[in-house]
């Protein structure tokens, strides 16, 4: 997750002052100020900052605690990073529940409200386009895994070595190589089946979506050694298509060829993957 602290070159935040932390941009109608969450610990109440006819969801935070140096040190700690990310996401989620919302990156900060409004205003029209695109739509994450099925386990079993005994037929070496080839072919078939299942899932969900993003699948360090991820994707769907998505996923899970295939669905989320918030945050 990126960190965006906007301070003019050659200056540092005044340690006795507050900085303006921006969570998201909403609109065009003025949304209700999120009340289901309080933002970052130690900060002021959440409030709305006008950006043209749009609205930024902001919070006053202690400049000393959110300077570039302080943030670098704090976010190097995994527990602190998780706390900050959860607080940020909670505000974005609360805002998205009541208005079209473009999430901004974690730790998007400006020295003053004026600097924040000016920087965000540079991309006012692009914010409008993004908000129009995501209005009434939400993001769903879909991941597909192939599990270590009994068939896969058998294909991965070690091939016993050949023991040459007096009088053994010369073909025993060929048998050993044949078993090796068979095991490799079985692995390839299993992988091709898993990839075909992933493509089938992606194709079915894309029929419901207005946009989609596919990312590099996670490795075993994230998924565990007992399963392999073959699809890591996000889809932008109209809010009212949630039931269709559930039906589609249920049908796929029960389809022929999906033995040993897991389909994991998460959401609905604010559309992080379909708004370039990091680019839209602007520069002072």
C-alpha atoms as a PDB file:
ATOM      1  CA  UNK A   1       0.000   0.000   0.000  1.00  0.00           C
ATOM      2  CA  UNK A   2       1.417   3.364  -1.020  1.00  0.00           C
ATOM      3  CA  UNK A   3       2.045   6.320   1.254  1.00  0.00           C
ATOM      4  CA  UNK A   4       1.576   9.855  -0.082  1.00  0.00           C
ATOM      5  CA  UNK A   5       2.745  12.728   2.104  1.00  0.00           C
ATOM      6  CA  UNK A   6       2.615  16.071   0.289  1.00  0.00           C
ATOM      7  CA  UNK A   7       5.034  18.638   1.721  1.00  0.00           C
ATOM      8  CA  UNK A   8       6.676  21.395  -0.303  1.00  0.00           C
ATOM      9  CA  UNK A   9      10.288  20.610  -1.242  1.00  0.00           C
ATOM     10  CA  UNK A  10      12.774  21.743   1.377  1.00  0.00           C
ATOM     11  CA  UNK A  11      10.184  22.141   4.137  1.00  0.00           C
ATOM     12  CA  UNK A  12       8.960  20.003   6.986  1.00  0.00           C
ATOM     13  CA  UNK A  13       5.625  19.882   8.737  1.00  0.00           C
ATOM     14  CA  UNK A  14       5.300  22.265  11.695  1.00  0.00           C
ATOM     15  CA  UNK A  15       5.430  19.851  14.642  1.00  0.00           C
ATOM     16  CA  UNK A  16       3.029  22.048  16.645  1.00  0.00           C
ATOM     17  CA  UNK A  17       0.360  22.127  13.932  1.00  0.00           C
ATOM     18  CA  UNK A  18      -2.179  19.837  12.354  1.00  0.00           C
ATOM     19  CA  UNK A  19      -1.978  18.400   8.860  1.00  0.00           C
ATOM     20  CA  UNK A  20      -4.922  17.622   6.580  1.00  0.00           C
ATOM     21  CA  UNK A  21      -5.322  13.891   5.995  1.00  0.00           C
ATOM     22  CA  UNK A  22      -7.487  13.038   2.967  1.00  0.00           C
ATOM     23  CA  UNK A  23      -9.245   9.669   2.818  1.00  0.00           C
ATOM     24  CA  UNK A  24     -11.359   9.984  -0.321  1.00  0.00           C
ATOM     25  CA  UNK A  25     -13.193  12.276  -2.722  1.00  0.00           C
ATOM     26  CA  UNK A  26     -16.989  12.008  -3.040  1.00  0.00           C
ATOM     27  CA  UNK A  27     -19.771  13.679  -4.943  1.00  0.00           C
ATOM     28  CA  UNK A  28     -21.031  15.502  -6.736  1.00  0.00           C
ATOM     29  CA  UNK A  29     -23.905  15.827  -4.237  1.00  0.00           C
ATOM     30  CA  UNK A  30     -22.729  16.686  -0.729  1.00  0.00           C
ATOM     31  CA  UNK A  31     -22.577  13.387   1.195  1.00  0.00           C
ATOM     32  CA  UNK A  32     -23.235  12.884   4.867  1.00  0.00           C
ATOM     33  CA  UNK A  33     -20.086  13.034   6.983  1.00  0.00           C
ATOM     34  CA  UNK A  34     -19.165   9.448   7.944  1.00  0.00           C
ATOM     35  CA  UNK A  35     -20.144   8.742  11.547  1.00  0.00           C
ATOM     36  CA  UNK A  36     -19.657   4.967  11.751  1.00  0.00           C
ATOM     37  CA  UNK A  37     -15.913   5.385  12.308  1.00  0.00           C
ATOM     38  CA  UNK A  38     -13.619   8.028  13.784  1.00  0.00           C
ATOM     39  CA  UNK A  39     -10.566   7.882  11.512  1.00  0.00           C
ATOM     40  CA  UNK A  40      -7.053   7.876  12.931  1.00  0.00           C
ATOM     41  CA  UNK A  41      -6.470   7.816  16.681  1.00  0.00           C
ATOM     42  CA  UNK A  42      -5.335  11.222  17.914  1.00  0.00           C
ATOM     43  CA  UNK A  43      -6.950  13.085  15.036  1.00  0.00           C
ATOM     44  CA  UNK A  44      -9.904  15.444  14.988  1.00  0.00           C
ATOM     45  CA  UNK A  45     -13.431  14.619  13.850  1.00  0.00           C
ATOM     46  CA  UNK A  46     -14.022  13.602  10.262  1.00  0.00           C
ATOM     47  CA  UNK A  47     -15.270  16.444   8.095  1.00  0.00           C
ATOM     48  CA  UNK A  48     -15.928  17.412   4.494  1.00  0.00           C
ATOM     49  CA  UNK A  49     -13.664  19.749   2.515  1.00  0.00           C
ATOM     50  CA  UNK A  50     -15.101  21.288  -0.685  1.00  0.00           C
ATOM     51  CA  UNK A  51     -13.114  20.660  -3.866  1.00  0.00           C
ATOM     52  CA  UNK A  52     -15.074  22.576  -6.478  1.00  0.00           C
ATOM     53  CA  UNK A  53     -18.476  20.896  -6.420  1.00  0.00           C
ATOM     54  CA  UNK A  54     -16.913  17.689  -5.067  1.00  0.00           C
ATOM     55  CA  UNK A  55     -16.118  16.817  -1.462  1.00  0.00           C
ATOM     56  CA  UNK A  56     -13.020  15.404   0.185  1.00  0.00           C
ATOM     57  CA  UNK A  57     -13.404  13.384   3.380  1.00  0.00           C
ATOM     58  CA  UNK A  58     -10.644  14.708   5.638  1.00  0.00           C
ATOM     59  CA  UNK A  59      -9.354  14.700   9.193  1.00  0.00           C
ATOM     60  CA  UNK A  60      -6.991  16.992  11.080  1.00  0.00           C
ATOM     61  CA  UNK A  61      -4.084  14.874  12.343  1.00  0.00           C
ATOM     62  CA  UNK A  62      -0.991  15.818  14.385  1.00  0.00           C
ATOM     63  CA  UNK A  63       1.633  16.964  11.889  1.00  0.00           C
ATOM     64  CA  UNK A  64       4.468  15.578  14.004  1.00  0.00           C
ATOM     65  CA  UNK A  65       2.966  12.075  14.030  1.00  0.00           C
ATOM     66  CA  UNK A  66       2.293  12.177  10.288  1.00  0.00           C
ATOM     67  CA  UNK A  67       5.479  13.740   8.948  1.00  0.00           C
ATOM     68  CA  UNK A  68       7.322  11.732   6.292  1.00  0.00           C
ATOM     69  CA  UNK A  69       9.955  10.636   8.811  1.00  0.00           C
ATOM     70  CA  UNK A  70       7.409   9.691  11.461  1.00  0.00           C
ATOM     71  CA  UNK A  71       5.280   7.805   8.951  1.00  0.00           C
ATOM     72  CA  UNK A  72       8.263   5.915   7.607  1.00  0.00           C
ATOM     73  CA  UNK A  73       9.124   4.744  11.107  1.00  0.00           C
ATOM     74  CA  UNK A  74       5.542   3.956  12.129  1.00  0.00           C
ATOM     75  CA  UNK A  75       4.585   2.080   8.992  1.00  0.00           C
ATOM     76  CA  UNK A  76       7.730  -0.034   9.130  1.00  0.00           C
ATOM     77  CA  UNK A  77       6.051  -1.709  12.099  1.00  0.00           C
ATOM     78  CA  UNK A  78       3.597  -4.326  10.791  1.00  0.00           C
ATOM     79  CA  UNK A  79       1.100  -3.868  13.623  1.00  0.00           C
ATOM     80  CA  UNK A  80       1.100  -0.079  13.221  1.00  0.00           C
ATOM     81  CA  UNK A  81       0.745  -0.386   9.452  1.00  0.00           C
ATOM     82  CA  UNK A  82      -2.267  -2.646   9.935  1.00  0.00           C
ATOM     83  CA  UNK A  83      -3.880  -0.213  12.383  1.00  0.00           C
ATOM     84  CA  UNK A  84      -3.430   2.716  10.014  1.00  0.00           C
ATOM     85  CA  UNK A  85      -4.669   0.727   7.024  1.00  0.00           C
ATOM     86  CA  UNK A  86      -7.763  -0.449   8.902  1.00  0.00           C
ATOM     87  CA  UNK A  87      -8.594   3.083  10.039  1.00  0.00           C
ATOM     88  CA  UNK A  88      -8.165   4.406   6.500  1.00  0.00           C
ATOM     89  CA  UNK A  89     -10.249   1.625   4.957  1.00  0.00           C
ATOM     90  CA  UNK A  90     -13.026   2.045   7.532  1.00  0.00           C
ATOM     91  CA  UNK A  91     -13.479   5.707   6.584  1.00  0.00           C
ATOM     92  CA  UNK A  92     -13.428   4.935   2.854  1.00  0.00           C
ATOM     93  CA  UNK A  93     -16.003   2.175   3.365  1.00  0.00           C
ATOM     94  CA  UNK A  94     -18.263   4.460   5.416  1.00  0.00           C
ATOM     95  CA  UNK A  95     -18.066   7.176   2.761  1.00  0.00           C
ATOM     96  CA  UNK A  96     -18.745   4.720  -0.068  1.00  0.00           C
ATOM     97  CA  UNK A  97     -21.868   3.496   1.729  1.00  0.00           C
ATOM     98  CA  UNK A  98     -23.581   6.865   1.211  1.00  0.00           C
ATOM     99  CA  UNK A  99     -21.992   8.342  -1.933  1.00  0.00           C
ATOM    100  CA  UNK A 100     -19.879   7.471  -4.990  1.00  0.00           C
ATOM    101  CA  UNK A 101     -16.343   7.530  -3.582  1.00  0.00           C
ATOM    102  CA  UNK A 102     -12.838   7.600  -5.040  1.00  0.00           C
ATOM    103  CA  UNK A 103     -10.491   6.170  -2.379  1.00  0.00           C
ATOM    104  CA  UNK A 104      -7.114   7.883  -2.018  1.00  0.00           C
ATOM    105  CA  UNK A 105      -3.935   6.093  -0.943  1.00  0.00           C
ATOM    106  CA  UNK A 106      -3.009   5.492   2.674  1.00  0.00           C
ATOM    107  CA  UNK A 107      -1.435   8.606   4.232  1.00  0.00           C
ATOM    108  CA  UNK A 108      -2.443  11.189   1.634  1.00  0.00           C
ATOM    109  CA  UNK A 109      -1.499  14.340   3.567  1.00  0.00           C
ATOM    110  CA  UNK A 110      -1.259  18.088   2.980  1.00  0.00           C
ATOM    111  CA  UNK A 111      -0.024  20.875   5.234  1.00  0.00           C
ATOM    112  CA  UNK A 112      -3.304  22.815   5.026  1.00  0.00           C
ATOM    113  CA  UNK A 113      -6.859  22.563   3.726  1.00  0.00           C
ATOM    114  CA  UNK A 114      -5.970  25.101   1.047  1.00  0.00           C
ATOM    115  CA  UNK A 115      -3.099  22.993  -0.253  1.00  0.00           C
ATOM    116  CA  UNK A 116      -5.303  19.882  -0.223  1.00  0.00           C
ATOM    117  CA  UNK A 117      -8.124  21.581  -2.133  1.00  0.00           C
ATOM    118  CA  UNK A 118      -5.703  23.061  -4.670  1.00  0.00           C
ATOM    119  CA  UNK A 119      -3.869  19.776  -5.298  1.00  0.00           C
ATOM    120  CA  UNK A 120      -7.049  17.737  -5.605  1.00  0.00           C
ATOM    121  CA  UNK A 121      -8.696  20.437  -7.707  1.00  0.00           C
ATOM    122  CA  UNK A 122      -6.063  20.026 -10.414  1.00  0.00           C
ATOM    123  CA  UNK A 123      -7.716  16.695 -11.240  1.00  0.00           C
ATOM    124  CA  UNK A 124     -11.300  17.849 -10.664  1.00  0.00           C
ATOM    125  CA  UNK A 125     -12.551  16.694 -14.062  1.00  0.00           C
ATOM    126  CA  UNK A 126     -10.842  13.323 -13.746  1.00  0.00           C
ATOM    127  CA  UNK A 127     -12.461  12.861 -10.344  1.00  0.00           C
ATOM    128  CA  UNK A 128     -15.826  13.628 -11.952  1.00  0.00           C
ATOM    129  CA  UNK A 129     -15.260  11.019 -14.659  1.00  0.00           C
ATOM    130  CA  UNK A 130     -14.194   8.414 -12.085  1.00  0.00           C
ATOM    131  CA  UNK A 131     -17.183   9.157  -9.845  1.00  0.00           C
ATOM    132  CA  UNK A 132     -19.593   8.901 -12.776  1.00  0.00           C
ATOM    133  CA  UNK A 133     -18.055   5.574 -13.722  1.00  0.00           C
ATOM    134  CA  UNK A 134     -18.408   3.976 -10.292  1.00  0.00           C
ATOM    135  CA  UNK A 135     -21.779   5.447  -9.274  1.00  0.00           C
ATOM    136  CA  UNK A 136     -24.062   2.596  -8.201  1.00  0.00           C
ATOM    137  CA  UNK A 137     -21.254   0.062  -8.605  1.00  0.00           C
ATOM    138  CA  UNK A 138     -19.052  -1.883  -6.213  1.00  0.00           C
ATOM    139  CA  UNK A 139     -15.909  -3.978  -6.397  1.00  0.00           C
ATOM    140  CA  UNK A 140     -15.827  -7.736  -5.849  1.00  0.00           C
ATOM    141  CA  UNK A 141     -12.669  -9.790  -5.485  1.00  0.00           C
ATOM    142  CA  UNK A 142     -12.569 -13.316  -6.938  1.00  0.00           C
ATOM    143  CA  UNK A 143      -9.716 -15.742  -6.387  1.00  0.00           C
ATOM    144  CA  UNK A 144      -9.456 -19.306  -7.676  1.00  0.00           C
ATOM    145  CA  UNK A 145      -7.256 -21.996  -6.132  1.00  0.00           C
ATOM    146  CA  UNK A 146      -6.461 -25.583  -7.028  1.00  0.00           C
ATOM    147  CA  UNK A 147      -6.151 -27.759  -3.944  1.00  0.00           C
ATOM    148  CA  UNK A 148      -3.872 -30.713  -3.326  1.00  0.00           C
ATOM    149  CA  UNK A 149      -6.410 -33.341  -4.353  1.00  0.00           C
ATOM    150  CA  UNK A 150      -5.893 -37.051  -4.061  1.00  0.00           C
ATOM    151  CA  UNK A 151      -5.146 -37.236  -7.761  1.00  0.00           C
ATOM    152  CA  UNK A 152      -2.561 -34.472  -7.525  1.00  0.00           C
ATOM    153  CA  UNK A 153      -1.001 -36.109  -4.503  1.00  0.00           C
ATOM    154  CA  UNK A 154      -0.655 -39.373  -6.384  1.00  0.00           C
ATOM    155  CA  UNK A 155       0.923 -37.629  -9.355  1.00  0.00           C
ATOM    156  CA  UNK A 156       3.452 -35.978  -7.046  1.00  0.00           C
ATOM    157  CA  UNK A 157       4.396 -39.194  -5.280  1.00  0.00           C
ATOM    158  CA  UNK A 158       8.094 -40.048  -5.644  1.00  0.00           C
ATOM    159  CA  UNK A 159       8.990 -42.582  -8.290  1.00  0.00           C
ATOM    160  CA  UNK A 160      10.775 -45.541  -6.703  1.00  0.00           C
ATOM    161  CA  UNK A 161      14.317 -46.031  -7.945  1.00  0.00           C
ATOM    162  CA  UNK A 162      15.165 -48.922 -10.221  1.00  0.00           C
ATOM    163  CA  UNK A 163      17.172 -51.683  -8.594  1.00  0.00           C
ATOM    164  CA  UNK A 164      19.106 -53.698 -11.125  1.00  0.00           C
ATOM    165  CA  UNK A 165      19.270 -57.338 -10.199  1.00  0.00           C
ATOM    166  CA  UNK A 166      21.037 -60.130 -12.019  1.00  0.00           C
ATOM    167  CA  UNK A 167      18.726 -61.323 -14.738  1.00  0.00           C
ATOM    168  CA  UNK A 168      16.518 -58.223 -14.618  1.00  0.00           C
ATOM    169  CA  UNK A 169      15.012 -57.389 -17.992  1.00  0.00           C
ATOM    170  CA  UNK A 170      16.673 -54.494 -19.766  1.00  0.00           C
ATOM    171  CA  UNK A 171      13.287 -52.786 -20.076  1.00  0.00           C
ATOM    172  CA  UNK A 172      13.164 -51.890 -16.362  1.00  0.00           C
ATOM    173  CA  UNK A 173      15.055 -48.634 -17.038  1.00  0.00           C
ATOM    174  CA  UNK A 174      12.557 -47.760 -19.724  1.00  0.00           C
ATOM    175  CA  UNK A 175       9.732 -48.448 -17.251  1.00  0.00           C
ATOM    176  CA  UNK A 176      11.290 -46.034 -14.773  1.00  0.00           C
ATOM    177  CA  UNK A 177      11.528 -43.282 -17.388  1.00  0.00           C
ATOM    178  CA  UNK A 178       7.968 -44.005 -18.454  1.00  0.00           C
ATOM    179  CA  UNK A 179       6.753 -43.510 -14.885  1.00  0.00           C
ATOM    180  CA  UNK A 180       8.641 -40.219 -14.681  1.00  0.00           C
ATOM    181  CA  UNK A 181       7.041 -39.039 -17.921  1.00  0.00           C
ATOM    182  CA  UNK A 182       3.629 -40.154 -16.714  1.00  0.00           C
ATOM    183  CA  UNK A 183       3.996 -38.195 -13.498  1.00  0.00           C
ATOM    184  CA  UNK A 184       5.070 -35.069 -15.389  1.00  0.00           C
ATOM    185  CA  UNK A 185       2.175 -35.426 -17.815  1.00  0.00           C
ATOM    186  CA  UNK A 186      -0.244 -35.817 -14.906  1.00  0.00           C
ATOM    187  CA  UNK A 187       1.072 -32.603 -13.359  1.00  0.00           C
ATOM    188  CA  UNK A 188       0.672 -30.773 -16.649  1.00  0.00           C
ATOM    189  CA  UNK A 189      -2.891 -32.064 -17.076  1.00  0.00           C
ATOM    190  CA  UNK A 190      -3.765 -30.963 -13.534  1.00  0.00           C
ATOM    191  CA  UNK A 191      -2.339 -27.502 -14.149  1.00  0.00           C
ATOM    192  CA  UNK A 192      -4.101 -27.141 -17.495  1.00  0.00           C
ATOM    193  CA  UNK A 193      -7.392 -28.168 -15.865  1.00  0.00           C
ATOM    194  CA  UNK A 194      -6.893 -25.588 -13.109  1.00  0.00           C
ATOM    195  CA  UNK A 195      -6.082 -22.830 -15.612  1.00  0.00           C
ATOM    196  CA  UNK A 196      -9.130 -23.773 -17.678  1.00  0.00           C
ATOM    197  CA  UNK A 197     -11.298 -23.511 -14.553  1.00  0.00           C
ATOM    198  CA  UNK A 198      -9.818 -20.082 -13.807  1.00  0.00           C
ATOM    199  CA  UNK A 199     -10.621 -18.878 -17.328  1.00  0.00           C
ATOM    200  CA  UNK A 200     -14.154 -20.236 -17.007  1.00  0.00           C
ATOM    201  CA  UNK A 201     -14.668 -18.323 -13.745  1.00  0.00           C
ATOM    202  CA  UNK A 202     -13.201 -15.117 -15.174  1.00  0.00           C
ATOM    203  CA  UNK A 203     -15.335 -15.325 -18.313  1.00  0.00           C
ATOM    204  CA  UNK A 204     -18.546 -15.945 -16.343  1.00  0.00           C
ATOM    205  CA  UNK A 205     -17.987 -13.082 -13.901  1.00  0.00           C
ATOM    206  CA  UNK A 206     -16.910 -10.659 -16.636  1.00  0.00           C
ATOM    207  CA  UNK A 207     -20.320 -11.168 -18.246  1.00  0.00           C
ATOM    208  CA  UNK A 208     -21.824  -9.561 -15.135  1.00  0.00           C
ATOM    209  CA  UNK A 209     -19.198  -6.827 -14.746  1.00  0.00           C
ATOM    210  CA  UNK A 210     -18.664  -3.464 -16.386  1.00  0.00           C
ATOM    211  CA  UNK A 211     -14.890  -3.669 -15.828  1.00  0.00           C
ATOM    212  CA  UNK A 212     -12.341  -6.142 -14.520  1.00  0.00           C
ATOM    213  CA  UNK A 213      -8.703  -6.288 -13.451  1.00  0.00           C
ATOM    214  CA  UNK A 214      -6.533  -9.415 -13.339  1.00  0.00           C
ATOM    215  CA  UNK A 215      -3.428  -9.436 -11.182  1.00  0.00           C
ATOM    216  CA  UNK A 216      -0.515 -11.809 -10.844  1.00  0.00           C
ATOM    217  CA  UNK A 217      -1.589 -14.781  -8.680  1.00  0.00           C
ATOM    218  CA  UNK A 218      -0.102 -14.927  -5.194  1.00  0.00           C
ATOM    219  CA  UNK A 219       2.615 -17.456  -4.451  1.00  0.00           C
ATOM    220  CA  UNK A 220       2.611 -20.210  -1.850  1.00  0.00           C
ATOM    221  CA  UNK A 221       4.000 -17.839   0.801  1.00  0.00           C
ATOM    222  CA  UNK A 222       0.580 -16.144   0.801  1.00  0.00           C
ATOM    223  CA  UNK A 223      -1.725 -19.039  -0.086  1.00  0.00           C
ATOM    224  CA  UNK A 224      -0.075 -21.916   1.789  1.00  0.00           C
ATOM    225  CA  UNK A 225       1.500 -25.032   0.331  1.00  0.00           C
ATOM    226  CA  UNK A 226      -1.744 -27.004   0.183  1.00  0.00           C
ATOM    227  CA  UNK A 227      -3.232 -24.903  -2.632  1.00  0.00           C
ATOM    228  CA  UNK A 228      -2.105 -22.902  -5.653  1.00  0.00           C
ATOM    229  CA  UNK A 229      -3.750 -19.667  -6.749  1.00  0.00           C
ATOM    230  CA  UNK A 230      -4.593 -19.576 -10.457  1.00  0.00           C
ATOM    231  CA  UNK A 231      -6.828 -16.475 -10.590  1.00  0.00           C
ATOM    232  CA  UNK A 232      -6.547 -13.188  -8.694  1.00  0.00           C
ATOM    233  CA  UNK A 233      -9.044 -10.696 -10.085  1.00  0.00           C
ATOM    234  CA  UNK A 234     -11.338  -7.792  -9.224  1.00  0.00           C
ATOM    235  CA  UNK A 235     -14.627  -6.937 -10.925  1.00  0.00           C
ATOM    236  CA  UNK A 236     -16.754  -3.789 -10.970  1.00  0.00           C
ATOM    237  CA  UNK A 237     -20.434  -4.737 -10.771  1.00  0.00           C
ATOM    238  CA  UNK A 238     -23.684  -2.836 -10.444  1.00  0.00           C
ATOM    239  CA  UNK A 239     -24.869  -3.043  -6.843  1.00  0.00           C
ATOM    240  CA  UNK A 240     -28.055  -4.874  -7.831  1.00  0.00           C
ATOM    241  CA  UNK A 241     -26.138  -7.771  -9.442  1.00  0.00           C
ATOM    242  CA  UNK A 242     -24.918  -9.252  -6.150  1.00  0.00           C
ATOM    243  CA  UNK A 243     -27.512 -12.062  -6.271  1.00  0.00           C
ATOM    244  CA  UNK A 244     -26.533 -12.909  -9.864  1.00  0.00           C
ATOM    245  CA  UNK A 245     -22.896 -13.094  -8.829  1.00  0.00           C
ATOM    246  CA  UNK A 246     -23.742 -15.477  -5.977  1.00  0.00           C
ATOM    247  CA  UNK A 247     -25.781 -17.674  -8.334  1.00  0.00           C
ATOM    248  CA  UNK A 248     -23.005 -17.722 -10.932  1.00  0.00           C
ATOM    249  CA  UNK A 249     -20.339 -18.676  -8.400  1.00  0.00           C
ATOM    250  CA  UNK A 250     -22.579 -21.388  -6.944  1.00  0.00           C
ATOM    251  CA  UNK A 251     -23.153 -22.866 -10.395  1.00  0.00           C
ATOM    252  CA  UNK A 252     -19.444 -22.856 -11.170  1.00  0.00           C
ATOM    253  CA  UNK A 253     -18.555 -24.555  -7.901  1.00  0.00           C
ATOM    254  CA  UNK A 254     -20.842 -27.446  -8.844  1.00  0.00           C
ATOM    255  CA  UNK A 255     -19.702 -27.662 -12.462  1.00  0.00           C
ATOM    256  CA  UNK A 256     -17.944 -30.725 -13.909  1.00  0.00           C
ATOM    257  CA  UNK A 257     -14.194 -30.341 -13.797  1.00  0.00           C
ATOM    258  CA  UNK A 258     -14.234 -28.225 -10.631  1.00  0.00           C
ATOM    259  CA  UNK A 259     -13.268 -31.008  -8.225  1.00  0.00           C
ATOM    260  CA  UNK A 260     -10.363 -29.724  -6.154  1.00  0.00           C
ATOM    261  CA  UNK A 261     -11.065 -26.125  -7.253  1.00  0.00           C
ATOM    262  CA  UNK A 262     -11.814 -23.443  -4.649  1.00  0.00           C
ATOM    263  CA  UNK A 263     -13.498 -20.151  -5.602  1.00  0.00           C
ATOM    264  CA  UNK A 264     -13.104 -17.389  -3.015  1.00  0.00           C
ATOM    265  CA  UNK A 265     -15.264 -14.262  -3.261  1.00  0.00           C
ATOM    266  CA  UNK A 266     -14.786 -11.082  -1.199  1.00  0.00           C
ATOM    267  CA  UNK A 267     -16.723  -7.828  -1.151  1.00  0.00           C
ATOM    268  CA  UNK A 268     -18.516  -5.670  -1.840  1.00  0.00           C
ATOM    269  CA  UNK A 269     -15.741  -3.101  -1.541  1.00  0.00           C
ATOM    270  CA  UNK A 270     -15.272   0.521  -2.428  1.00  0.00           C
ATOM    271  CA  UNK A 271     -13.880   0.387  -5.994  1.00  0.00           C
ATOM    272  CA  UNK A 272     -10.174   0.723  -5.176  1.00  0.00           C
ATOM    273  CA  UNK A 273      -9.147  -1.158  -8.328  1.00  0.00           C
ATOM    274  CA  UNK A 274     -11.150   1.035 -10.713  1.00  0.00           C
ATOM    275  CA  UNK A 275     -10.178   4.556  -9.626  1.00  0.00           C
ATOM    276  CA  UNK A 276      -6.602   5.724  -9.940  1.00  0.00           C
ATOM    277  CA  UNK A 277      -6.592   7.413  -6.543  1.00  0.00           C
ATOM    278  CA  UNK A 278      -2.816   7.544  -6.246  1.00  0.00           C
ATOM    279  CA  UNK A 279      -2.497   9.475  -9.485  1.00  0.00           C
ATOM    280  CA  UNK A 280      -5.491  11.703  -8.718  1.00  0.00           C
ATOM    281  CA  UNK A 281      -4.124  12.780  -5.319  1.00  0.00           C
ATOM    282  CA  UNK A 282      -2.134  15.446  -7.160  1.00  0.00           C
ATOM    283  CA  UNK A 283       0.899  17.387  -5.982  1.00  0.00           C
ATOM    284  CA  UNK A 284       1.226  20.551  -3.950  1.00  0.00           C
END
